[in-house]
Amino acid sequence: MKPDFSVSDVNCENVLECLFDLSRLDKEVLKILNDGEEFKSKKLAKKVDKDQSTVYRSLENLVNCGLVYKEKQTIRNGGYYFLYSSRPMDKIREEAENCLEQWYSEMKSSIEEL
């Protein structure tokens, strides 16, 4: 069975989507964060016109994938909030290459077992 896309269809966005199992919202949030600004989940929710809890889940997925930083900020009179920012593109590229190498190794092992 061949993949349902051609090599000419491969681009940065769909490689990241495939390697990290990103949703459309995950990719949209990551794209916004790649502009270099830090965001609270509430501000990002307004920017993508989604509920804050939906954006929070997307951000947590991106953090777990290692694509986004999450930094706790303490409020002077008590409480805290989180700021989210994109990891540097060279680090994302490195992480993607590691995922690809791991995937390739696992696929090759599976094929050898045939």
Protein backbone atom coordinates (compact mmCIF):
# COMPACT_ATOMS: atom_id res chain seq x y z
CA MET A 1 0.00 0.00 0.00
CA LYS A 2 1.37 3.39 -0.98
CA PRO A 3 0.89 6.54 1.10
CA ASP A 4 -1.98 8.74 -0.08
CA PHE A 5 0.33 11.69 -0.78
CA SER A 6 3.17 12.24 -3.19
CA VAL A 7 6.67 13.36 -2.34
CA SER A 8 5.91 16.71 -3.96
CA ASP A 9 3.15 17.22 -1.35
CA VAL A 10 5.60 16.99 1.56
CA ASN A 11 6.21 20.28 3.33
CA CYS A 12 7.25 21.51 6.76
CA GLU A 13 3.68 21.74 8.04
CA ASN A 14 2.57 18.23 7.13
CA VAL A 15 5.88 16.70 8.28
CA LEU A 16 5.39 18.24 11.73
CA GLU A 17 1.75 17.15 11.68
CA CYS A 18 2.76 13.57 10.95
CA LEU A 19 5.77 13.32 13.28
CA PHE A 20 4.08 14.92 16.29
CA ASP A 21 0.44 13.98 15.57
CA LEU A 22 -0.62 17.64 15.49
CA SER A 23 -4.17 18.82 14.96
CA ARG A 24 -5.09 21.76 12.75
CA LEU A 25 -5.41 23.90 15.91
CA ASP A 26 -2.01 22.73 17.18
CA LYS A 27 -0.42 23.85 13.92
CA GLU A 28 -2.26 27.19 14.01
CA VAL A 29 -1.15 27.86 17.60
CA LEU A 30 2.44 26.85 16.83
CA LYS A 31 2.50 29.16 13.83
CA ILE A 32 1.38 32.10 15.98
CA LEU A 33 3.96 31.29 18.66
CA ASN A 34 6.70 31.02 16.03
CA ASP A 35 6.43 34.79 15.53
CA GLY A 36 8.44 35.11 18.74
CA GLU A 37 5.87 36.53 21.12
CA GLU A 38 4.89 34.93 24.45
CA PHE A 39 1.19 34.35 25.05
CA LYS A 40 -1.21 33.43 27.82
CA SER A 41 -3.75 30.79 26.79
CA LYS A 42 -6.55 33.36 27.09
CA LYS A 43 -4.92 35.73 24.57
CA LEU A 44 -4.20 32.86 22.17
CA ALA A 45 -7.82 31.71 22.48
CA LYS A 46 -9.01 35.12 21.32
CA LYS A 47 -6.50 35.13 18.48
CA VAL A 48 -7.68 31.76 17.09
CA ASP A 49 -11.34 32.32 18.07
CA LYS A 50 -11.58 29.18 20.20
CA ASP A 51 -12.55 28.43 23.78
CA GLN A 52 -9.68 28.91 26.25
CA SER A 53 -9.89 25.28 27.46
CA THR A 54 -9.57 24.04 23.87
CA VAL A 55 -6.48 26.19 23.29
CA TYR A 56 -5.06 25.10 26.65
CA ARG A 57 -5.30 21.43 25.57
CA SER A 58 -3.58 22.28 22.32
CA LEU A 59 -0.81 24.13 24.17
CA GLU A 60 -0.32 21.21 26.55
CA ASN A 61 0.00 18.87 23.56
CA LEU A 62 2.61 21.16 22.01
CA VAL A 63 4.50 21.34 25.32
CA ASN A 64 4.42 17.54 25.62
CA CYS A 65 5.76 17.24 22.07
CA GLY A 66 8.66 19.52 22.99
CA LEU A 67 7.67 22.22 20.49
CA VAL A 68 6.58 24.90 22.98
CA TYR A 69 7.90 26.24 26.28
CA LYS A 70 5.59 26.75 29.27
CA GLU A 71 6.78 29.23 31.90
CA LYS A 72 5.03 29.80 35.22
CA GLN A 73 4.64 33.47 36.20
CA THR A 74 3.80 34.37 39.80
CA ILE A 75 1.38 37.21 40.49
CA ARG A 76 2.60 39.53 43.25
CA ASN A 77 -0.59 39.36 45.35
CA GLY A 78 -0.95 35.62 44.94
CA GLY A 79 -1.72 33.22 42.15
CA TYR A 80 0.05 32.47 38.92
CA TYR A 81 -0.40 32.10 35.18
CA PHE A 82 1.55 30.47 32.38
CA LEU A 83 3.25 32.05 29.40
CA TYR A 84 3.78 29.96 26.28
CA SER A 85 6.43 30.48 23.63
CA SER A 86 7.80 28.48 20.73
CA ARG A 87 11.07 26.66 21.03
CA PRO A 88 13.71 27.98 18.63
CA MET A 89 13.26 26.61 15.12
CA ASP A 90 16.65 24.88 15.16
CA LYS A 91 15.56 22.94 18.28
CA ILE A 92 12.25 22.01 16.64
CA ARG A 93 14.16 20.86 13.56
CA GLU A 94 16.48 18.77 15.75
CA GLU A 95 13.54 17.20 17.57
CA ALA A 96 11.82 16.43 14.26
CA GLU A 97 14.98 14.77 12.94
CA ASN A 98 15.22 12.64 16.10
CA CYS A 99 11.57 11.58 15.73
CA LEU A 100 12.13 10.73 12.07
CA GLU A 101 15.22 8.66 12.85
CA GLN A 102 13.37 6.78 15.59
CA TRP A 103 10.39 6.18 13.28
CA TYR A 104 12.70 4.97 10.50
CA SER A 105 14.48 2.58 12.87
CA GLU A 106 11.19 1.14 14.13
CA MET A 107 9.81 0.76 10.60
CA LYS A 108 12.99 -0.93 9.39
CA SER A 109 12.90 -3.37 12.33
CA SER A 110 9.28 -4.19 11.60
CA ILE A 111 10.03 -4.82 7.93
CA GLU A 112 12.96 -7.07 8.84
CA GLU A 113 10.57 -9.19 10.92
CA LEU A 114 8.46 -10.00 7.84
